[in-house]
């Protein structure tokens, strides 16, 4: 699992790229009158706000436990990530659909369209750099899985959001570029409206997929299935353990909670039982440092 420092680096890459792209797109939208360019400018501005929210979520998830939040606030990053998905749907997708429908009803010829082309190419390069940085972090944790499988199984909400945003941004820029080029070649501004509608649909689809993945973590999802199986195998292999009944896990941001119900080999005293449990817990934390909370229940039946 990538560390929080890696996640922060990825977020800052995306924030810097999106702010530079927003400024360029906004200027080009004013100069050319392109609806697709305006939709992309709003999209980039929304992405900037999204990355600020993710930074806030990561920071607040590091707050220490309190009596009101005894397990810490690690899951708070999921709330802010879900809010990002909502904003991507509304501010990005819904606005683009509105702008596309408006341009469809009232088409306007583009002014200085080659400026838009230059800005879009710049945007694609900047987004490509951001996406490459994100993919570099994803490759550290996907363990040979396809990107789609990693997206569906990942417990790193902020990385899922950045990956979804960057991919949507790059595809959206491609749509906008094709729309502007079609307008230049044909002289028909209707293609600009079609490109804007395509961007809106793309953003809404990506927002829905991101929201579905983050919702599972927000509700309370277990840790990665492979890691869960490895933890169970480690516990079963300990000499103090006679039988493992249940292993329950919960992802809490960067931290993990583990609850174990198992039968110990016969211990001749209460202190011997406590020592046996402590040794098992130490082995778990040594092998899996992300397990911050460990609760062990000794029992003789399931």
C-alpha atoms as a PDB file:
ATOM      1  CA  UNK A   1       0.000   0.000   0.000  1.00  0.00           C
ATOM      2  CA  UNK A   2       1.384   3.383  -0.967  1.00  0.00           C
ATOM      3  CA  UNK A   3       2.198   5.692   1.900  1.00  0.00           C
ATOM      4  CA  UNK A   4       0.453   8.973   2.602  1.00  0.00           C
ATOM      5  CA  UNK A   5       3.493  10.901   1.352  1.00  0.00           C
ATOM      6  CA  UNK A   6       3.115   9.238  -2.059  1.00  0.00           C
ATOM      7  CA  UNK A   7      -0.586  10.094  -2.125  1.00  0.00           C
ATOM      8  CA  UNK A   8       0.124  13.722  -1.241  1.00  0.00           C
ATOM      9  CA  UNK A   9       2.741  13.956  -3.990  1.00  0.00           C
ATOM     10  CA  UNK A  10       0.224  12.630  -6.515  1.00  0.00           C
ATOM     11  CA  UNK A  11      -2.430  15.132  -5.359  1.00  0.00           C
ATOM     12  CA  UNK A  12      -0.004  18.065  -5.616  1.00  0.00           C
ATOM     13  CA  UNK A  13       0.998  16.977  -9.137  1.00  0.00           C
ATOM     14  CA  UNK A  14      -2.660  16.964 -10.149  1.00  0.00           C
ATOM     15  CA  UNK A  15      -3.384  20.303  -8.451  1.00  0.00           C
ATOM     16  CA  UNK A  16      -0.492  22.072 -10.172  1.00  0.00           C
ATOM     17  CA  UNK A  17      -1.369  20.643 -13.585  1.00  0.00           C
ATOM     18  CA  UNK A  18      -5.068  21.440 -13.291  1.00  0.00           C
ATOM     19  CA  UNK A  19      -4.529  25.026 -12.156  1.00  0.00           C
ATOM     20  CA  UNK A  20      -2.196  25.762 -15.074  1.00  0.00           C
ATOM     21  CA  UNK A  21      -4.642  24.116 -17.468  1.00  0.00           C
ATOM     22  CA  UNK A  22      -7.605  26.013 -16.009  1.00  0.00           C
ATOM     23  CA  UNK A  23      -5.945  29.385 -16.609  1.00  0.00           C
ATOM     24  CA  UNK A  24      -5.040  28.466 -20.192  1.00  0.00           C
ATOM     25  CA  UNK A  25      -8.507  27.046 -20.947  1.00  0.00           C
ATOM     26  CA  UNK A  26     -10.344  30.012 -19.420  1.00  0.00           C
ATOM     27  CA  UNK A  27      -8.396  32.492 -21.541  1.00  0.00           C
ATOM     28  CA  UNK A  28      -8.928  30.386 -24.657  1.00  0.00           C
ATOM     29  CA  UNK A  29     -12.663  30.016 -23.933  1.00  0.00           C
ATOM     30  CA  UNK A  30     -13.064  33.804 -23.731  1.00  0.00           C
ATOM     31  CA  UNK A  31     -11.035  34.386 -26.900  1.00  0.00           C
ATOM     32  CA  UNK A  32     -12.632  31.643 -29.037  1.00  0.00           C
ATOM     33  CA  UNK A  33     -16.162  31.432 -27.625  1.00  0.00           C
ATOM     34  CA  UNK A  34     -15.877  27.629 -27.620  1.00  0.00           C
ATOM     35  CA  UNK A  35     -18.429  25.843 -25.446  1.00  0.00           C
ATOM     36  CA  UNK A  36     -16.249  22.732 -25.304  1.00  0.00           C
ATOM     37  CA  UNK A  37     -13.344  24.886 -24.124  1.00  0.00           C
ATOM     38  CA  UNK A  38     -15.527  26.563 -21.487  1.00  0.00           C
ATOM     39  CA  UNK A  39     -16.742  23.175 -20.282  1.00  0.00           C
ATOM     40  CA  UNK A  40     -13.131  22.022 -20.017  1.00  0.00           C
ATOM     41  CA  UNK A  41     -12.182  25.205 -18.102  1.00  0.00           C
ATOM     42  CA  UNK A  42     -14.983  24.585 -15.590  1.00  0.00           C
ATOM     43  CA  UNK A  43     -13.902  20.953 -15.387  1.00  0.00           C
ATOM     44  CA  UNK A  44     -10.303  21.955 -14.568  1.00  0.00           C
ATOM     45  CA  UNK A  45     -11.463  24.521 -11.982  1.00  0.00           C
ATOM     46  CA  UNK A  46     -13.649  21.869 -10.352  1.00  0.00           C
ATOM     47  CA  UNK A  47     -10.676  19.490 -10.339  1.00  0.00           C
ATOM     48  CA  UNK A  48      -8.576  22.120  -8.535  1.00  0.00           C
ATOM     49  CA  UNK A  49     -11.244  22.384  -5.853  1.00  0.00           C
ATOM     50  CA  UNK A  50     -11.428  18.602  -5.687  1.00  0.00           C
ATOM     51  CA  UNK A  51      -7.710  18.292  -5.037  1.00  0.00           C
ATOM     52  CA  UNK A  52      -7.913  20.877  -2.239  1.00  0.00           C
ATOM     53  CA  UNK A  53     -10.702  18.785  -0.669  1.00  0.00           C
ATOM     54  CA  UNK A  54      -8.572  15.643  -0.971  1.00  0.00           C
ATOM     55  CA  UNK A  55      -5.650  17.397   0.744  1.00  0.00           C
ATOM     56  CA  UNK A  56      -8.009  18.440   3.535  1.00  0.00           C
ATOM     57  CA  UNK A  57      -9.293  14.891   3.826  1.00  0.00           C
ATOM     58  CA  UNK A  58      -5.802  13.373   3.998  1.00  0.00           C
ATOM     59  CA  UNK A  59      -4.742  15.917   6.637  1.00  0.00           C
ATOM     60  CA  UNK A  60      -7.815  15.390   8.825  1.00  0.00           C
ATOM     61  CA  UNK A  61      -7.534  11.614   8.540  1.00  0.00           C
ATOM     62  CA  UNK A  62      -4.230  11.911  10.441  1.00  0.00           C
ATOM     63  CA  UNK A  63      -5.815  13.471  13.536  1.00  0.00           C
ATOM     64  CA  UNK A  64      -5.164  11.393  16.672  1.00  0.00           C
ATOM     65  CA  UNK A  65      -7.867   9.327  18.399  1.00  0.00           C
ATOM     66  CA  UNK A  66     -10.125  11.084  20.908  1.00  0.00           C
ATOM     67  CA  UNK A  67     -12.854   9.851  23.289  1.00  0.00           C
ATOM     68  CA  UNK A  68     -15.421  10.762  20.620  1.00  0.00           C
ATOM     69  CA  UNK A  69     -13.380   9.101  17.835  1.00  0.00           C
ATOM     70  CA  UNK A  70     -11.570   6.235  19.615  1.00  0.00           C
ATOM     71  CA  UNK A  71     -10.373   4.664  16.351  1.00  0.00           C
ATOM     72  CA  UNK A  72      -9.130   7.967  14.936  1.00  0.00           C
ATOM     73  CA  UNK A  73     -10.513   9.787  11.903  1.00  0.00           C
ATOM     74  CA  UNK A  74      -8.910   7.742   9.145  1.00  0.00           C
ATOM     75  CA  UNK A  75     -12.235   7.223   7.368  1.00  0.00           C
ATOM     76  CA  UNK A  76     -12.723  10.986   6.992  1.00  0.00           C
ATOM     77  CA  UNK A  77     -10.695  10.867   3.781  1.00  0.00           C
ATOM     78  CA  UNK A  78     -13.527   8.774   2.315  1.00  0.00           C
ATOM     79  CA  UNK A  79     -16.094  11.496   3.052  1.00  0.00           C
ATOM     80  CA  UNK A  80     -14.078  14.127   1.210  1.00  0.00           C
ATOM     81  CA  UNK A  81     -13.375  11.711  -1.627  1.00  0.00           C
ATOM     82  CA  UNK A  82     -17.099  11.029  -1.991  1.00  0.00           C
ATOM     83  CA  UNK A  83     -17.765  14.763  -1.988  1.00  0.00           C
ATOM     84  CA  UNK A  84     -15.246  15.094  -4.834  1.00  0.00           C
ATOM     85  CA  UNK A  85     -17.238  12.528  -6.829  1.00  0.00           C
ATOM     86  CA  UNK A  86     -20.427  14.534  -6.228  1.00  0.00           C
ATOM     87  CA  UNK A  87     -18.755  17.745  -7.384  1.00  0.00           C
ATOM     88  CA  UNK A  88     -17.312  16.005 -10.437  1.00  0.00           C
ATOM     89  CA  UNK A  89     -20.847  14.898 -11.302  1.00  0.00           C
ATOM     90  CA  UNK A  90     -22.534  18.264 -10.734  1.00  0.00           C
ATOM     91  CA  UNK A  91     -20.006  21.039 -11.379  1.00  0.00           C
ATOM     92  CA  UNK A  92     -18.161  19.142 -14.104  1.00  0.00           C
ATOM     93  CA  UNK A  93     -20.641  16.816 -15.783  1.00  0.00           C
ATOM     94  CA  UNK A  94     -23.989  18.575 -15.303  1.00  0.00           C
ATOM     95  CA  UNK A  95     -22.580  21.990 -16.260  1.00  0.00           C
ATOM     96  CA  UNK A  96     -20.992  20.552 -19.400  1.00  0.00           C
ATOM     97  CA  UNK A  97     -24.322  19.017 -20.414  1.00  0.00           C
ATOM     98  CA  UNK A  98     -26.066  22.353 -19.829  1.00  0.00           C
ATOM     99  CA  UNK A  99     -23.467  24.236 -21.869  1.00  0.00           C
ATOM    100  CA  UNK A 100     -23.624  21.641 -24.646  1.00  0.00           C
ATOM    101  CA  UNK A 101     -27.411  21.830 -24.902  1.00  0.00           C
ATOM    102  CA  UNK A 102     -27.210  25.642 -24.922  1.00  0.00           C
ATOM    103  CA  UNK A 103     -24.660  25.595 -27.754  1.00  0.00           C
ATOM    104  CA  UNK A 104     -26.754  23.015 -29.589  1.00  0.00           C
ATOM    105  CA  UNK A 105     -29.760  25.352 -29.504  1.00  0.00           C
ATOM    106  CA  UNK A 106     -27.721  28.487 -30.224  1.00  0.00           C
ATOM    107  CA  UNK A 107     -24.575  27.504 -32.180  1.00  0.00           C
ATOM    108  CA  UNK A 108     -21.870  30.138 -32.502  1.00  0.00           C
ATOM    109  CA  UNK A 109     -18.879  30.129 -34.849  1.00  0.00           C
ATOM    110  CA  UNK A 110     -15.536  29.783 -33.068  1.00  0.00           C
ATOM    111  CA  UNK A 111     -13.162  32.742 -32.966  1.00  0.00           C
ATOM    112  CA  UNK A 112      -9.408  32.085 -33.314  1.00  0.00           C
ATOM    113  CA  UNK A 113      -9.905  28.301 -33.088  1.00  0.00           C
ATOM    114  CA  UNK A 114      -6.174  27.571 -33.432  1.00  0.00           C
ATOM    115  CA  UNK A 115      -5.654  29.197 -30.030  1.00  0.00           C
ATOM    116  CA  UNK A 116      -8.036  26.589 -28.620  1.00  0.00           C
ATOM    117  CA  UNK A 117      -6.086  23.835 -30.370  1.00  0.00           C
ATOM    118  CA  UNK A 118      -2.819  25.065 -28.854  1.00  0.00           C
ATOM    119  CA  UNK A 119      -4.301  25.276 -25.368  1.00  0.00           C
ATOM    120  CA  UNK A 120      -5.834  21.805 -25.625  1.00  0.00           C
ATOM    121  CA  UNK A 121      -2.530  20.295 -26.745  1.00  0.00           C
ATOM    122  CA  UNK A 122      -0.817  22.017 -23.796  1.00  0.00           C
ATOM    123  CA  UNK A 123      -3.530  20.670 -21.508  1.00  0.00           C
ATOM    124  CA  UNK A 124      -3.078  17.145 -22.803  1.00  0.00           C
ATOM    125  CA  UNK A 125       0.668  17.330 -22.141  1.00  0.00           C
ATOM    126  CA  UNK A 126       0.138  18.670 -18.591  1.00  0.00           C
ATOM    127  CA  UNK A 127      -2.571  16.102 -17.810  1.00  0.00           C
ATOM    128  CA  UNK A 128      -0.354  13.404 -19.265  1.00  0.00           C
ATOM    129  CA  UNK A 129       2.394  14.330 -16.794  1.00  0.00           C
ATOM    130  CA  UNK A 130      -0.097  14.262 -13.918  1.00  0.00           C
ATOM    131  CA  UNK A 131      -1.580  10.935 -15.021  1.00  0.00           C
ATOM    132  CA  UNK A 132       1.877   9.446 -15.413  1.00  0.00           C
ATOM    133  CA  UNK A 133       2.728  10.411 -11.812  1.00  0.00           C
ATOM    134  CA  UNK A 134      -0.546   8.864 -10.653  1.00  0.00           C
ATOM    135  CA  UNK A 135       0.036   5.655 -12.629  1.00  0.00           C
ATOM    136  CA  UNK A 136       3.526   5.432 -11.116  1.00  0.00           C
ATOM    137  CA  UNK A 137       1.951   5.311  -7.641  1.00  0.00           C
ATOM    138  CA  UNK A 138      -0.783   2.927  -8.782  1.00  0.00           C
ATOM    139  CA  UNK A 139       1.831   0.529 -10.198  1.00  0.00           C
ATOM    140  CA  UNK A 140       3.404   0.294  -6.743  1.00  0.00           C
ATOM    141  CA  UNK A 141       0.227  -1.168  -5.254  1.00  0.00           C
ATOM    142  CA  UNK A 142      -1.684  -2.996  -7.987  1.00  0.00           C
ATOM    143  CA  UNK A 143       0.496  -6.142  -7.733  1.00  0.00           C
ATOM    144  CA  UNK A 144       0.039  -7.345 -11.298  1.00  0.00           C
ATOM    145  CA  UNK A 145      -3.690  -6.635 -11.392  1.00  0.00           C
ATOM    146  CA  UNK A 146      -5.200  -4.802 -14.338  1.00  0.00           C
ATOM    147  CA  UNK A 147      -5.988  -1.133 -13.826  1.00  0.00           C
ATOM    148  CA  UNK A 148      -9.717  -1.942 -13.819  1.00  0.00           C
ATOM    149  CA  UNK A 149      -9.262  -4.679 -11.207  1.00  0.00           C
ATOM    150  CA  UNK A 150      -7.128  -2.374  -9.074  1.00  0.00           C
ATOM    151  CA  UNK A 151      -9.744   0.392  -9.391  1.00  0.00           C
ATOM    152  CA  UNK A 152     -12.480  -1.975  -8.192  1.00  0.00           C
ATOM    153  CA  UNK A 153     -10.426  -3.437  -5.320  1.00  0.00           C
ATOM    154  CA  UNK A 154      -8.283  -0.511  -4.158  1.00  0.00           C
ATOM    155  CA  UNK A 155      -8.629   0.793  -0.600  1.00  0.00           C
ATOM    156  CA  UNK A 156      -6.798   4.060  -1.425  1.00  0.00           C
ATOM    157  CA  UNK A 157      -9.717   6.422  -1.961  1.00  0.00           C
ATOM    158  CA  UNK A 158      -7.624   9.491  -2.771  1.00  0.00           C
ATOM    159  CA  UNK A 159      -5.606   7.554  -5.376  1.00  0.00           C
ATOM    160  CA  UNK A 160      -8.803   6.189  -6.937  1.00  0.00           C
ATOM    161  CA  UNK A 161     -10.199   9.736  -7.186  1.00  0.00           C
ATOM    162  CA  UNK A 162      -7.037  11.224  -8.715  1.00  0.00           C
ATOM    163  CA  UNK A 163      -6.751   8.365 -11.205  1.00  0.00           C
ATOM    164  CA  UNK A 164     -10.400   8.791 -12.233  1.00  0.00           C
ATOM    165  CA  UNK A 165     -10.061  12.577 -12.499  1.00  0.00           C
ATOM    166  CA  UNK A 166      -6.856  12.481 -14.531  1.00  0.00           C
ATOM    167  CA  UNK A 167      -8.193   9.842 -16.903  1.00  0.00           C
ATOM    168  CA  UNK A 168     -11.446  11.782 -17.377  1.00  0.00           C
ATOM    169  CA  UNK A 169      -9.493  15.006 -17.924  1.00  0.00           C
ATOM    170  CA  UNK A 170      -7.269  13.469 -20.608  1.00  0.00           C
ATOM    171  CA  UNK A 171     -10.220  11.910 -22.413  1.00  0.00           C
ATOM    172  CA  UNK A 172     -12.195  15.159 -22.074  1.00  0.00           C
ATOM    173  CA  UNK A 173      -9.357  17.132 -23.630  1.00  0.00           C
ATOM    174  CA  UNK A 174      -9.299  14.642 -26.490  1.00  0.00           C
ATOM    175  CA  UNK A 175     -13.043  15.133 -27.024  1.00  0.00           C
ATOM    176  CA  UNK A 176     -12.631  18.910 -26.990  1.00  0.00           C
ATOM    177  CA  UNK A 177      -9.698  18.804 -29.421  1.00  0.00           C
ATOM    178  CA  UNK A 178     -11.613  16.601 -31.860  1.00  0.00           C
ATOM    179  CA  UNK A 179     -14.628  18.915 -31.582  1.00  0.00           C
ATOM    180  CA  UNK A 180     -12.585  22.056 -32.303  1.00  0.00           C
ATOM    181  CA  UNK A 181     -10.759  20.407 -35.218  1.00  0.00           C
ATOM    182  CA  UNK A 182     -14.090  19.261 -36.654  1.00  0.00           C
ATOM    183  CA  UNK A 183     -15.345  22.849 -36.443  1.00  0.00           C
ATOM    184  CA  UNK A 184     -12.231  24.100 -38.253  1.00  0.00           C
ATOM    185  CA  UNK A 185     -12.472  21.501 -41.031  1.00  0.00           C
ATOM    186  CA  UNK A 186     -16.237  21.744 -41.632  1.00  0.00           C
ATOM    187  CA  UNK A 187     -16.958  25.288 -40.501  1.00  0.00           C
ATOM    188  CA  UNK A 188     -19.955  23.867 -38.613  1.00  0.00           C
ATOM    189  CA  UNK A 189     -20.096  24.975 -34.913  1.00  0.00           C
ATOM    190  CA  UNK A 190     -22.465  22.120 -34.103  1.00  0.00           C
ATOM    191  CA  UNK A 191     -19.437  19.888 -33.498  1.00  0.00           C
ATOM    192  CA  UNK A 192     -18.398  22.144 -30.621  1.00  0.00           C
ATOM    193  CA  UNK A 193     -21.756  21.497 -28.946  1.00  0.00           C
ATOM    194  CA  UNK A 194     -21.449  17.760 -29.554  1.00  0.00           C
ATOM    195  CA  UNK A 195     -17.967  17.764 -28.018  1.00  0.00           C
ATOM    196  CA  UNK A 196     -19.275  19.622 -24.962  1.00  0.00           C
ATOM    197  CA  UNK A 197     -22.069  17.068 -24.510  1.00  0.00           C
ATOM    198  CA  UNK A 198     -19.541  14.246 -24.842  1.00  0.00           C
ATOM    199  CA  UNK A 199     -17.404  15.781 -22.099  1.00  0.00           C
ATOM    200  CA  UNK A 200     -20.451  16.061 -19.843  1.00  0.00           C
ATOM    201  CA  UNK A 201     -21.423  12.419 -20.329  1.00  0.00           C
ATOM    202  CA  UNK A 202     -17.814  11.310 -19.752  1.00  0.00           C
ATOM    203  CA  UNK A 203     -17.513  13.231 -16.471  1.00  0.00           C
ATOM    204  CA  UNK A 204     -20.819  11.908 -15.172  1.00  0.00           C
ATOM    205  CA  UNK A 205     -19.867   8.299 -15.971  1.00  0.00           C
ATOM    206  CA  UNK A 206     -16.471   8.650 -14.258  1.00  0.00           C
ATOM    207  CA  UNK A 207     -18.069  10.389 -11.246  1.00  0.00           C
ATOM    208  CA  UNK A 208     -20.554   7.525 -10.827  1.00  0.00           C
ATOM    209  CA  UNK A 209     -17.818   4.864 -10.932  1.00  0.00           C
ATOM    210  CA  UNK A 210     -15.663   6.808  -8.434  1.00  0.00           C
ATOM    211  CA  UNK A 211     -18.657   7.343  -6.119  1.00  0.00           C
ATOM    212  CA  UNK A 212     -19.493   3.616  -6.155  1.00  0.00           C
ATOM    213  CA  UNK A 213     -15.948   2.661  -5.155  1.00  0.00           C
ATOM    214  CA  UNK A 214     -15.630   5.311  -2.430  1.00  0.00           C
ATOM    215  CA  UNK A 215     -19.101   4.559  -1.043  1.00  0.00           C
ATOM    216  CA  UNK A 216     -18.015   1.033  -0.123  1.00  0.00           C
ATOM    217  CA  UNK A 217     -15.106   2.422   1.922  1.00  0.00           C
ATOM    218  CA  UNK A 218     -17.310   5.085   3.485  1.00  0.00           C
ATOM    219  CA  UNK A 219     -19.804   2.464   4.670  1.00  0.00           C
ATOM    220  CA  UNK A 220     -17.072   0.221   6.067  1.00  0.00           C
ATOM    221  CA  UNK A 221     -15.088  -2.090   3.788  1.00  0.00           C
ATOM    222  CA  UNK A 222     -12.634  -4.777   4.814  1.00  0.00           C
ATOM    223  CA  UNK A 223      -8.970  -4.579   3.921  1.00  0.00           C
ATOM    224  CA  UNK A 224      -7.653  -5.996   0.645  1.00  0.00           C
ATOM    225  CA  UNK A 225      -8.727  -9.643   0.243  1.00  0.00           C
ATOM    226  CA  UNK A 226      -5.184 -10.909  -0.420  1.00  0.00           C
ATOM    227  CA  UNK A 227      -3.821  -9.155   2.658  1.00  0.00           C
ATOM    228  CA  UNK A 228      -6.707 -10.480   4.738  1.00  0.00           C
ATOM    229  CA  UNK A 229      -5.895 -14.025   3.633  1.00  0.00           C
ATOM    230  CA  UNK A 230      -2.204 -13.504   4.411  1.00  0.00           C
ATOM    231  CA  UNK A 231      -3.041 -12.267   7.921  1.00  0.00           C
ATOM    232  CA  UNK A 232      -5.241 -15.305   8.551  1.00  0.00           C
ATOM    233  CA  UNK A 233      -2.471 -17.636   7.366  1.00  0.00           C
ATOM    234  CA  UNK A 234       0.052 -15.879   9.605  1.00  0.00           C
ATOM    235  CA  UNK A 235      -2.206 -16.211  12.653  1.00  0.00           C
ATOM    236  CA  UNK A 236      -2.929 -19.894  11.944  1.00  0.00           C
ATOM    237  CA  UNK A 237       0.815 -20.588  11.624  1.00  0.00           C
ATOM    238  CA  UNK A 238       1.651 -19.260  15.103  1.00  0.00           C
ATOM    239  CA  UNK A 239       2.545 -22.004  17.629  1.00  0.00           C
ATOM    240  CA  UNK A 240       0.161 -20.486  20.199  1.00  0.00           C
ATOM    241  CA  UNK A 241      -2.865 -20.911  17.897  1.00  0.00           C
ATOM    242  CA  UNK A 242      -4.816 -24.174  17.753  1.00  0.00           C
ATOM    243  CA  UNK A 243      -7.618 -22.969  15.451  1.00  0.00           C
ATOM    244  CA  UNK A 244      -8.693 -19.694  13.853  1.00  0.00           C
ATOM    245  CA  UNK A 245     -12.459 -19.111  13.921  1.00  0.00           C
ATOM    246  CA  UNK A 246     -12.953 -15.577  12.593  1.00  0.00           C
ATOM    247  CA  UNK A 247     -10.819 -12.797  11.148  1.00  0.00           C
ATOM    248  CA  UNK A 248     -12.685  -9.493  10.720  1.00  0.00           C
ATOM    249  CA  UNK A 249     -10.947  -6.462   9.221  1.00  0.00           C
ATOM    250  CA  UNK A 250     -11.839  -2.854   8.489  1.00  0.00           C
ATOM    251  CA  UNK A 251      -9.999  -0.257   6.401  1.00  0.00           C
ATOM    252  CA  UNK A 252      -9.620   3.052   8.266  1.00  0.00           C
ATOM    253  CA  UNK A 253      -7.772   5.300   5.831  1.00  0.00           C
ATOM    254  CA  UNK A 254      -4.085   4.406   6.060  1.00  0.00           C
ATOM    255  CA  UNK A 255      -4.739   2.286   9.170  1.00  0.00           C
ATOM    256  CA  UNK A 256      -6.359  -1.112   9.497  1.00  0.00           C
ATOM    257  CA  UNK A 257      -8.460  -2.684  12.237  1.00  0.00           C
ATOM    258  CA  UNK A 258      -8.231  -6.402  12.930  1.00  0.00           C
ATOM    259  CA  UNK A 259     -10.480  -8.520  15.165  1.00  0.00           C
ATOM    260  CA  UNK A 260      -9.542 -12.170  15.691  1.00  0.00           C
ATOM    261  CA  UNK A 261     -11.445 -15.006  17.349  1.00  0.00           C
ATOM    262  CA  UNK A 262      -9.296 -18.104  17.824  1.00  0.00           C
ATOM    263  CA  UNK A 263      -8.665 -21.111  20.081  1.00  0.00           C
ATOM    264  CA  UNK A 264      -5.321 -21.136  21.813  1.00  0.00           C
ATOM    265  CA  UNK A 265      -3.349 -24.188  22.779  1.00  0.00           C
ATOM    266  CA  UNK A 266      -3.885 -24.948  26.427  1.00  0.00           C
ATOM    267  CA  UNK A 267      -2.457 -22.274  28.708  1.00  0.00           C
ATOM    268  CA  UNK A 268      -1.943 -23.078  32.394  1.00  0.00           C
ATOM    269  CA  UNK A 269      -2.630 -19.590  33.722  1.00  0.00           C
ATOM    270  CA  UNK A 270      -4.258 -16.289  32.876  1.00  0.00           C
ATOM    271  CA  UNK A 271      -0.849 -14.711  32.498  1.00  0.00           C
ATOM    272  CA  UNK A 272       0.222 -17.424  30.046  1.00  0.00           C
ATOM    273  CA  UNK A 273      -2.891 -16.703  27.949  1.00  0.00           C
ATOM    274  CA  UNK A 274      -2.152 -12.962  27.958  1.00  0.00           C
ATOM    275  CA  UNK A 275       1.466 -13.598  26.979  1.00  0.00           C
ATOM    276  CA  UNK A 276       0.400 -15.893  24.140  1.00  0.00           C
ATOM    277  CA  UNK A 277      -2.033 -13.296  22.757  1.00  0.00           C
ATOM    278  CA  UNK A 278       0.578 -10.530  23.034  1.00  0.00           C
ATOM    279  CA  UNK A 279       3.115 -12.618  21.111  1.00  0.00           C
ATOM    280  CA  UNK A 280       0.616 -13.280  18.308  1.00  0.00           C
ATOM    281  CA  UNK A 281      -0.343  -9.604  18.109  1.00  0.00           C
ATOM    282  CA  UNK A 282       3.338  -8.619  17.963  1.00  0.00           C
ATOM    283  CA  UNK A 283       3.897 -11.003  15.046  1.00  0.00           C
ATOM    284  CA  UNK A 284       0.896  -9.543  13.215  1.00  0.00           C
ATOM    285  CA  UNK A 285       2.045  -5.937  13.667  1.00  0.00           C
ATOM    286  CA  UNK A 286       5.603  -6.792  12.653  1.00  0.00           C
ATOM    287  CA  UNK A 287       4.472  -8.437   9.423  1.00  0.00           C
ATOM    288  CA  UNK A 288       1.668  -5.921   8.726  1.00  0.00           C
ATOM    289  CA  UNK A 289       2.603  -2.472  10.098  1.00  0.00           C
ATOM    290  CA  UNK A 290      -0.621  -0.942   8.759  1.00  0.00           C
ATOM    291  CA  UNK A 291      -2.603  -2.931  11.364  1.00  0.00           C
ATOM    292  CA  UNK A 292      -3.012  -0.248  14.019  1.00  0.00           C
ATOM    293  CA  UNK A 293      -5.898  -1.746  15.981  1.00  0.00           C
ATOM    294  CA  UNK A 294      -5.847  -5.432  16.932  1.00  0.00           C
ATOM    295  CA  UNK A 295      -8.492  -7.119  19.103  1.00  0.00           C
ATOM    296  CA  UNK A 296      -7.974 -10.772  19.991  1.00  0.00           C
ATOM    297  CA  UNK A 297     -10.744 -12.893  21.502  1.00  0.00           C
ATOM    298  CA  UNK A 298      -9.654 -16.324  22.786  1.00  0.00           C
ATOM    299  CA  UNK A 299     -12.460 -18.922  22.640  1.00  0.00           C
ATOM    300  CA  UNK A 300     -13.010 -22.650  22.345  1.00  0.00           C
ATOM    301  CA  UNK A 301     -15.779 -22.583  19.730  1.00  0.00           C
ATOM    302  CA  UNK A 302     -16.881 -20.547  16.751  1.00  0.00           C
END
